[in-house]
């Protein structure tokens, strides 16, 4: 029971992490210091997608699930939880590149808007 609860907690943390990777720039619009954490996290998310790597949170969750008596899973977090919802046909390298591009595009847009807003406010 404890391992299953820990695995579920890691899953929730992982979902929050992914949300922060994608949309953390929006928090930066309220608190600029958050960028110090968001930029490396977003870079990590892009790196994992571009290299086809497995996030350590995926490995931790899978090992906790195995310790709880579950089978765990051998694929990535995205393949296991999000892929059946978003891409039922299967995750390919090109889809991973698209996901990385999506993360970069959203964050460049958010940070570009923030820099533009900062520039406008300084010129007043």
Protein backbone atom coordinates (compact mmCIF):
# COMPACT_ATOMS: atom_id res chain seq x y z
CA UNK A 1 0.00 0.00 0.00
CA UNK A 2 2.80 2.43 0.87
CA UNK A 3 4.66 1.81 -2.39
CA UNK A 4 1.48 2.27 -4.40
CA UNK A 5 0.80 5.58 -2.62
CA UNK A 6 4.37 6.70 -3.27
CA UNK A 7 4.07 5.71 -6.94
CA UNK A 8 0.82 7.67 -7.24
CA UNK A 9 2.50 10.66 -5.58
CA UNK A 10 5.36 10.49 -8.07
CA UNK A 11 2.80 10.31 -10.88
CA UNK A 12 1.09 13.49 -9.63
CA UNK A 13 4.49 15.17 -9.26
CA UNK A 14 5.36 14.12 -12.80
CA UNK A 15 2.14 15.58 -14.18
CA UNK A 16 2.80 18.85 -12.35
CA UNK A 17 6.37 18.82 -13.65
CA UNK A 18 5.17 18.42 -17.25
CA UNK A 19 2.64 21.19 -16.75
CA UNK A 20 5.39 23.42 -15.40
CA UNK A 21 7.64 22.57 -18.36
CA UNK A 22 4.93 23.59 -20.81
CA UNK A 23 3.21 26.47 -19.04
CA UNK A 24 5.68 27.62 -16.38
CA UNK A 25 6.39 30.75 -18.37
CA UNK A 26 2.90 31.94 -17.48
CA UNK A 27 3.88 31.87 -13.80
CA UNK A 28 6.96 33.90 -14.70
CA UNK A 29 4.62 36.67 -15.85
CA UNK A 30 3.56 37.03 -12.21
CA UNK A 31 6.88 36.27 -10.50
CA UNK A 32 10.00 36.82 -12.59
CA UNK A 33 12.22 34.84 -10.20
CA UNK A 34 10.37 31.65 -11.21
CA UNK A 35 12.29 31.84 -14.50
CA UNK A 36 15.38 30.70 -12.60
CA UNK A 37 13.69 27.35 -12.09
CA UNK A 38 11.52 27.21 -15.17
CA UNK A 39 14.17 27.71 -17.85
CA UNK A 40 16.31 24.71 -16.75
CA UNK A 41 13.18 22.57 -16.29
CA UNK A 42 11.90 23.48 -19.77
CA UNK A 43 15.35 22.72 -21.23
CA UNK A 44 15.29 19.34 -19.48
CA UNK A 45 11.86 18.55 -20.95
CA UNK A 46 13.03 19.43 -24.44
CA UNK A 47 16.24 17.42 -23.95
CA UNK A 48 14.32 14.31 -22.87
CA UNK A 49 12.02 14.57 -25.90
CA UNK A 50 14.81 15.22 -28.41
CA UNK A 51 17.06 12.43 -27.15
CA UNK A 52 14.27 9.91 -26.61
CA UNK A 53 15.43 9.58 -23.03
CA UNK A 54 13.44 8.46 -20.04
CA UNK A 55 12.77 10.90 -17.23
CA UNK A 56 14.04 9.74 -13.83
CA UNK A 57 10.53 10.28 -12.44
CA UNK A 58 9.28 7.60 -14.86
CA UNK A 59 11.93 5.18 -13.63
CA UNK A 60 11.17 5.97 -9.99
CA UNK A 61 7.43 5.53 -10.43
CA UNK A 62 7.87 2.23 -12.29
CA UNK A 63 10.17 0.85 -9.61
CA UNK A 64 7.72 1.89 -6.87
CA UNK A 65 4.89 0.18 -8.76
CA UNK A 66 6.95 -3.01 -9.05
CA UNK A 67 7.73 -2.83 -5.31
CA UNK A 68 3.97 -2.53 -4.72
CA UNK A 69 3.44 -5.75 -6.65
CA UNK A 70 2.28 -4.14 -9.88
CA UNK A 71 3.91 -5.01 -13.17
CA UNK A 72 5.21 -1.47 -13.60
CA UNK A 73 5.90 -0.46 -17.17
CA UNK A 74 8.88 -0.38 -19.44
CA UNK A 75 7.91 2.52 -21.70
CA UNK A 76 8.19 6.23 -20.94
CA UNK A 77 5.76 8.27 -18.86
CA UNK A 78 4.34 9.91 -21.97
CA UNK A 79 3.94 6.58 -23.75
CA UNK A 80 2.29 4.98 -20.71
CA UNK A 81 -0.09 7.72 -19.55
CA UNK A 82 -0.49 10.38 -22.22
CA UNK A 83 0.06 8.49 -25.45
CA UNK A 84 -3.12 6.40 -25.24
CA UNK A 85 -5.10 9.63 -24.88
CA UNK A 86 -3.26 11.89 -27.32
CA UNK A 87 -1.65 9.52 -29.83
CA UNK A 88 -3.39 6.15 -29.76
CA UNK A 89 -1.35 4.82 -32.71
CA UNK A 90 1.97 5.01 -30.82
CA UNK A 91 4.73 7.41 -30.01
CA UNK A 92 7.33 7.83 -32.73
CA UNK A 93 10.55 9.82 -32.83
CA UNK A 94 8.90 12.39 -35.09
CA UNK A 95 6.11 12.87 -32.55
CA UNK A 96 8.73 13.33 -29.82
CA UNK A 97 10.39 16.01 -31.97
CA UNK A 98 7.01 17.67 -32.42
CA UNK A 99 6.40 17.62 -28.66
CA UNK A 100 9.82 19.17 -28.06
CA UNK A 101 9.05 21.80 -30.69
CA UNK A 102 5.72 22.52 -29.01
CA UNK A 103 7.44 23.07 -25.65
CA UNK A 104 10.02 25.37 -27.25
CA UNK A 105 7.41 27.28 -29.26
CA UNK A 106 5.10 27.88 -26.30
CA UNK A 107 7.93 28.97 -24.05
CA UNK A 108 9.57 31.22 -26.64
CA UNK A 109 6.19 32.86 -27.20
CA UNK A 110 5.61 33.36 -23.47
CA UNK A 111 9.10 34.68 -22.76
CA UNK A 112 9.00 36.85 -25.88
CA UNK A 113 5.73 38.36 -24.70
CA UNK A 114 7.19 38.91 -21.22
CA UNK A 115 10.29 40.61 -22.62
CA UNK A 116 8.13 42.77 -24.87
CA UNK A 117 5.96 43.75 -21.91
CA UNK A 118 9.05 44.54 -19.83
CA UNK A 119 10.48 46.67 -22.62
CA UNK A 120 7.21 48.61 -22.99
CA UNK A 121 6.98 49.24 -19.25
CA UNK A 122 10.58 50.50 -19.10
CA UNK A 123 10.04 52.89 -22.00
CA UNK A 124 7.15 54.68 -20.24
